[in-house]
């Protein structure tokens, strides 16, 4: 997956931050969100049936087929 460069900036005035030389960080969504790339899918939620669980229409979903389904009683 492609690495997305993210620039961390703040609207501060006065003395320069000691961390100014570390402005750009690399963010890898693979490292943060995906354990097993071969079993991972990305989709978009449609409908309102999962709103009580915090999943809303149009949400981007990362779906792992590597996990076992757990039925809650």
C-alpha atoms as a PDB file:
ATOM      1  CA  UNK A   1       0.000   0.000   0.000  1.00  0.00           C
ATOM      2  CA  UNK A   2       1.212   3.535  -0.710  1.00  0.00           C
ATOM      3  CA  UNK A   3       2.679   5.592   2.157  1.00  0.00           C
ATOM      4  CA  UNK A   4       0.912   8.915   2.708  1.00  0.00           C
ATOM      5  CA  UNK A   5       3.185  11.779   3.872  1.00  0.00           C
ATOM      6  CA  UNK A   6       1.495  13.862   6.573  1.00  0.00           C
ATOM      7  CA  UNK A   7       2.815  17.293   7.543  1.00  0.00           C
ATOM      8  CA  UNK A   8       2.277  18.161  11.197  1.00  0.00           C
ATOM      9  CA  UNK A   9       1.944  21.933  11.593  1.00  0.00           C
ATOM     10  CA  UNK A  10       0.533  24.366  14.120  1.00  0.00           C
ATOM     11  CA  UNK A  11      -0.205  28.078  13.921  1.00  0.00           C
ATOM     12  CA  UNK A  12       2.266  29.080  16.647  1.00  0.00           C
ATOM     13  CA  UNK A  13       4.115  32.391  16.772  1.00  0.00           C
ATOM     14  CA  UNK A  14       7.222  33.370  18.718  1.00  0.00           C
ATOM     15  CA  UNK A  15      10.114  31.009  19.287  1.00  0.00           C
ATOM     16  CA  UNK A  16      10.589  28.169  16.837  1.00  0.00           C
ATOM     17  CA  UNK A  17       9.694  24.742  18.160  1.00  0.00           C
ATOM     18  CA  UNK A  18      12.631  22.437  18.953  1.00  0.00           C
ATOM     19  CA  UNK A  19      10.776  19.804  16.923  1.00  0.00           C
ATOM     20  CA  UNK A  20      10.618  21.991  13.768  1.00  0.00           C
ATOM     21  CA  UNK A  21      13.096  19.758  11.959  1.00  0.00           C
ATOM     22  CA  UNK A  22      10.692  16.826  12.377  1.00  0.00           C
ATOM     23  CA  UNK A  23       7.808  18.389  10.418  1.00  0.00           C
ATOM     24  CA  UNK A  24       7.067  15.462   8.093  1.00  0.00           C
ATOM     25  CA  UNK A  25       6.045  12.030   9.386  1.00  0.00           C
ATOM     26  CA  UNK A  26       5.242   8.973   7.304  1.00  0.00           C
ATOM     27  CA  UNK A  27       1.936   7.288   7.984  1.00  0.00           C
ATOM     28  CA  UNK A  28       1.422   3.704   6.864  1.00  0.00           C
ATOM     29  CA  UNK A  29      -2.178   2.528   7.031  1.00  0.00           C
ATOM     30  CA  UNK A  30      -0.923  -1.031   6.505  1.00  0.00           C
ATOM     31  CA  UNK A  31       1.117  -0.911   9.704  1.00  0.00           C
ATOM     32  CA  UNK A  32      -1.640   0.788  11.711  1.00  0.00           C
ATOM     33  CA  UNK A  33      -4.730  -1.113  10.574  1.00  0.00           C
ATOM     34  CA  UNK A  34      -3.921  -4.306   8.665  1.00  0.00           C
ATOM     35  CA  UNK A  35      -2.547  -7.462  10.314  1.00  0.00           C
ATOM     36  CA  UNK A  36      -2.920  -9.856   7.367  1.00  0.00           C
ATOM     37  CA  UNK A  37      -3.022  -8.076   3.972  1.00  0.00           C
ATOM     38  CA  UNK A  38      -3.966 -11.254   2.074  1.00  0.00           C
ATOM     39  CA  UNK A  39      -7.142 -11.589   4.180  1.00  0.00           C
ATOM     40  CA  UNK A  40      -8.101  -7.895   4.291  1.00  0.00           C
ATOM     41  CA  UNK A  41     -10.737  -6.078   2.236  1.00  0.00           C
ATOM     42  CA  UNK A  42     -11.804  -2.436   2.139  1.00  0.00           C
ATOM     43  CA  UNK A  43     -15.464  -1.572   1.625  1.00  0.00           C
ATOM     44  CA  UNK A  44     -18.034   1.166   2.112  1.00  0.00           C
ATOM     45  CA  UNK A  45     -21.050   0.699   4.395  1.00  0.00           C
ATOM     46  CA  UNK A  46     -24.487   1.089   2.814  1.00  0.00           C
ATOM     47  CA  UNK A  47     -27.680   1.490   4.790  1.00  0.00           C
ATOM     48  CA  UNK A  48     -28.576   2.149   8.420  1.00  0.00           C
ATOM     49  CA  UNK A  49     -28.790  -1.339   9.958  1.00  0.00           C
ATOM     50  CA  UNK A  50     -25.519  -1.043  11.936  1.00  0.00           C
ATOM     51  CA  UNK A  51     -25.938   2.489  13.341  1.00  0.00           C
ATOM     52  CA  UNK A  52     -26.416   1.189  16.904  1.00  0.00           C
ATOM     53  CA  UNK A  53     -22.951  -0.382  16.600  1.00  0.00           C
ATOM     54  CA  UNK A  54     -21.387   2.876  15.359  1.00  0.00           C
ATOM     55  CA  UNK A  55     -21.234   1.972  11.647  1.00  0.00           C
ATOM     56  CA  UNK A  56     -23.004   4.549   9.479  1.00  0.00           C
ATOM     57  CA  UNK A  57     -23.960   4.801   5.805  1.00  0.00           C
ATOM     58  CA  UNK A  58     -20.881   5.807   3.792  1.00  0.00           C
ATOM     59  CA  UNK A  59     -18.309   4.748   6.416  1.00  0.00           C
ATOM     60  CA  UNK A  60     -15.129   3.178   5.031  1.00  0.00           C
ATOM     61  CA  UNK A  61     -14.675  -0.321   6.477  1.00  0.00           C
ATOM     62  CA  UNK A  62     -11.523  -2.404   6.818  1.00  0.00           C
ATOM     63  CA  UNK A  63     -12.686  -6.019   6.832  1.00  0.00           C
ATOM     64  CA  UNK A  64     -10.451  -8.847   8.033  1.00  0.00           C
ATOM     65  CA  UNK A  65     -11.393 -12.377   6.994  1.00  0.00           C
ATOM     66  CA  UNK A  66      -8.590 -13.713   9.223  1.00  0.00           C
ATOM     67  CA  UNK A  67     -10.693 -13.237  12.381  1.00  0.00           C
ATOM     68  CA  UNK A  68     -13.205 -15.805  13.614  1.00  0.00           C
ATOM     69  CA  UNK A  69     -16.798 -14.607  13.962  1.00  0.00           C
ATOM     70  CA  UNK A  70     -17.993 -14.452  17.579  1.00  0.00           C
ATOM     71  CA  UNK A  71     -21.713 -14.705  18.265  1.00  0.00           C
ATOM     72  CA  UNK A  72     -22.766 -12.696  21.300  1.00  0.00           C
ATOM     73  CA  UNK A  73     -25.642 -13.972  23.444  1.00  0.00           C
END
